[in-house]
Amino acid sequence: MVLPLSVANINEAPVFGSEAQGGILVQIPENAQSGAFPDASGSFIVFDFDLGDSIVSCSVAAVGFPGGLFDASIGNSAGTLSADGVEVTLSLASGVSLDHEATPTVSAQLTCTDSSQATATTQFEVRVVNVNEAPYMATRVGSTEICFGENPAAGELASGALRIDDPDVD
């Protein structure tokens, strides 16, 4: 006797590549302008093994930053599966610049959705790498001019003051 057997296909969620397992550290120099991260640290590989399914969107949420610090773009226009998966690249959102002294790290999560609305999420950390910044004249205190008397003696103080600040802690 032969019994009929049918196997129903179910939609599995996308899967991140091994680089996203256990948390990833992404690095970007402080004061970088919007756009792609300067190295490959802002790239993830995501797979969707369902036949005919594809990655259709990815989004990034930064913990404590409701305005959106990062954008995510899918490597090819269709987001279809290849042997190497689909590359998702992070970039700083337009108008965003990060400051190491104010925020040395940002915790974030990347969520990718396939055409069947199944999702995968991975956590990662962005390290804002310190860059040496030049000191700058902050504000004038008192007079707007620095004045010395004619033929000042050694050690004579000027009237007026300027404040010079260095944004780096060092």
Protein backbone atom coordinates (compact mmCIF):
# COMPACT_ATOMS: atom_id res chain seq x y z
CA MET A 1 0.00 0.00 0.00
CA VAL A 2 1.31 3.43 -0.92
CA LEU A 3 0.23 6.37 1.15
CA PRO A 4 0.30 9.84 -0.36
CA LEU A 5 2.68 12.23 1.34
CA SER A 6 2.78 15.95 0.91
CA VAL A 7 5.25 18.35 2.40
CA ALA A 8 4.05 21.88 3.09
CA ASN A 9 6.52 24.68 2.62
CA ILE A 10 6.78 27.12 5.52
CA ASN A 11 8.49 30.46 5.45
CA GLU A 12 11.67 30.60 7.51
CA ALA A 13 13.01 33.90 8.70
CA PRO A 14 16.16 35.35 7.14
CA VAL A 15 19.47 34.44 8.81
CA PHE A 16 22.48 36.67 9.40
CA GLY A 17 25.90 35.38 8.39
CA SER A 18 28.46 34.21 10.93
CA GLU A 19 29.94 37.72 11.23
CA ALA A 20 26.74 38.81 13.01
CA GLN A 21 26.69 36.02 15.57
CA GLY A 22 27.52 37.04 19.13
CA GLY A 23 27.44 40.77 18.46
CA ILE A 24 29.51 42.80 16.05
CA LEU A 25 31.69 45.77 16.69
CA VAL A 26 31.40 48.43 14.00
CA GLN A 27 33.79 51.38 14.06
CA ILE A 28 33.52 54.88 12.65
CA PRO A 29 35.73 57.93 13.26
CA GLU A 30 34.11 60.77 15.13
CA ASN A 31 32.96 63.76 13.08
CA ALA A 32 32.61 61.59 9.95
CA GLN A 33 30.07 62.97 7.52
CA SER A 34 26.94 61.11 6.48
CA GLY A 35 27.57 58.22 4.14
CA ALA A 36 29.02 54.73 4.19
CA PHE A 37 31.35 53.61 6.94
CA PRO A 38 34.97 54.02 5.86
CA ASP A 39 35.74 50.30 5.99
CA ALA A 40 33.92 47.00 5.71
CA SER A 41 33.00 47.01 9.42
CA GLY A 42 29.58 48.43 8.52
CA SER A 43 28.56 45.47 6.33
CA PHE A 44 26.47 42.44 7.20
CA ILE A 45 25.52 39.38 5.14
CA VAL A 46 21.95 38.10 5.39
CA PHE A 47 20.54 34.92 3.86
CA ASP A 48 17.00 33.89 3.00
CA PHE A 49 16.88 30.22 2.03
CA ASP A 50 13.21 30.12 1.02
CA LEU A 51 12.80 29.53 -2.72
CA GLY A 52 11.47 32.68 -4.38
CA ASP A 53 11.82 34.76 -1.22
CA SER A 54 14.08 37.80 -1.01
CA ILE A 55 15.22 40.43 1.46
CA VAL A 56 13.06 43.49 0.78
CA SER A 57 14.00 45.90 3.56
CA CYS A 58 16.42 46.47 6.40
CA SER A 59 16.32 49.09 9.13
CA VAL A 60 18.61 50.15 11.96
CA ALA A 61 17.50 51.35 15.39
CA ALA A 62 20.06 52.97 17.69
CA VAL A 63 19.26 52.60 21.39
CA GLY A 64 18.57 56.01 22.95
CA PHE A 65 18.52 57.88 19.61
CA PRO A 66 14.93 58.07 18.36
CA GLY A 67 15.78 60.23 15.34
CA GLY A 68 17.69 57.54 13.50
CA LEU A 69 21.47 57.67 13.31
CA PHE A 70 22.01 55.04 10.64
CA ASP A 71 20.60 53.88 7.33
CA ALA A 72 20.83 50.36 5.90
CA SER A 73 20.92 49.58 2.19
CA ILE A 74 20.60 46.21 0.50
CA GLY A 75 23.56 45.31 -1.72
CA ASN A 76 21.66 44.52 -4.89
CA SER A 77 18.39 46.01 -6.06
CA ALA A 78 16.30 42.86 -5.74
CA GLY A 79 17.84 41.57 -2.52
CA THR A 80 17.77 38.06 -4.01
CA LEU A 81 19.76 35.17 -2.64
CA SER A 82 23.13 34.36 -4.09
CA ALA A 83 25.67 31.83 -2.88
CA ASP A 84 27.15 34.56 -0.68
CA GLY A 85 23.89 35.98 0.62
CA VAL A 86 22.87 39.62 0.36
CA GLU A 87 25.16 42.37 1.64
CA VAL A 88 23.55 44.99 3.84
CA THR A 89 25.64 48.14 4.24
CA LEU A 90 25.27 50.64 7.07
CA SER A 91 25.76 54.35 6.64
CA LEU A 92 25.38 57.44 8.77
CA ALA A 93 22.03 59.10 8.15
CA SER A 94 22.00 62.45 6.38
CA GLY A 95 23.02 65.29 8.68
CA VAL A 96 24.38 62.97 11.39
CA SER A 97 27.85 63.28 12.88
CA LEU A 98 28.97 61.41 16.00
CA ASP A 99 31.23 62.86 18.71
CA HIS A 100 33.48 60.48 20.66
CA GLU A 101 33.63 62.73 23.72
CA ALA A 102 29.81 62.87 23.94
CA THR A 103 29.00 59.29 22.85
CA PRO A 104 31.94 56.85 22.60
CA THR A 105 29.69 53.87 21.77
CA VAL A 106 26.20 53.36 20.38
CA SER A 107 24.19 50.14 20.81
CA ALA A 108 22.04 49.33 17.81
CA GLN A 109 20.09 46.58 16.11
CA LEU A 110 19.65 45.70 12.47
CA THR A 111 16.34 44.15 11.35
CA CYS A 112 15.88 42.66 7.88
CA THR A 113 12.52 41.60 6.44
CA ASP A 114 11.88 39.18 3.58
CA SER A 115 9.12 39.31 0.98
CA SER A 116 6.98 37.00 3.16
CA GLN A 117 7.29 39.47 6.09
CA ALA A 118 9.53 37.19 8.20
CA THR A 119 12.25 39.12 10.06
CA ALA A 120 15.69 38.60 11.53
CA THR A 121 17.35 40.95 14.02
CA THR A 122 20.94 41.20 15.22
CA GLN A 123 22.48 43.43 17.88
CA PHE A 124 25.71 45.33 17.31
CA GLU A 125 27.77 48.10 18.81
CA VAL A 126 29.21 51.12 17.02
CA ARG A 127 32.46 52.38 18.49
CA VAL A 128 33.04 56.06 17.74
CA VAL A 129 36.81 56.26 17.30
CA ASN A 130 38.45 59.35 18.82
CA VAL A 131 40.14 61.76 16.41
CA ASN A 132 42.45 64.49 17.71
CA GLU A 133 40.65 67.79 17.27
CA ALA A 134 42.33 71.18 17.23
CA PRO A 135 41.76 73.62 20.09
CA TYR A 136 39.52 76.56 19.28
CA MET A 137 38.67 80.01 20.62
CA ALA A 138 35.48 79.44 22.56
CA THR A 139 34.22 82.81 23.80
CA ARG A 140 35.58 86.19 24.65
CA VAL A 141 35.40 87.17 28.26
CA GLY A 142 35.31 90.84 29.24
CA SER A 143 36.69 93.21 26.63
CA THR A 144 36.52 92.25 22.97
CA GLU A 145 40.12 93.41 22.62
CA ILE A 146 43.37 92.30 24.16
CA CYS A 147 45.30 95.42 25.11
CA PHE A 148 48.86 96.02 26.26
CA GLY A 149 50.15 99.37 27.34
CA GLU A 150 52.92 100.95 25.27
CA ASN A 151 56.32 99.44 26.07
CA PRO A 152 55.00 96.82 28.52
CA ALA A 153 57.34 95.48 31.15
CA ALA A 154 58.11 91.77 31.13
CA GLY A 155 55.30 89.90 32.84
CA GLU A 156 52.79 92.76 32.51
CA LEU A 157 49.29 91.37 32.00
CA ALA A 158 47.05 92.37 29.16
CA SER A 159 43.52 93.58 29.75
CA GLY A 160 40.76 91.38 28.38
CA ALA A 161 40.77 87.61 28.08
CA LEU A 162 40.17 84.86 25.58
CA ARG A 163 39.12 81.33 26.38
CA ILE A 164 40.65 78.50 24.36
CA ASP A 165 38.96 75.11 24.55
CA ASP A 166 40.15 71.69 23.40
CA PRO A 167 37.27 69.31 22.69
CA ASP A 168 39.50 66.29 23.41
CA VAL A 169 39.82 65.13 26.98
CA ASP A 170 43.62 64.76 26.68
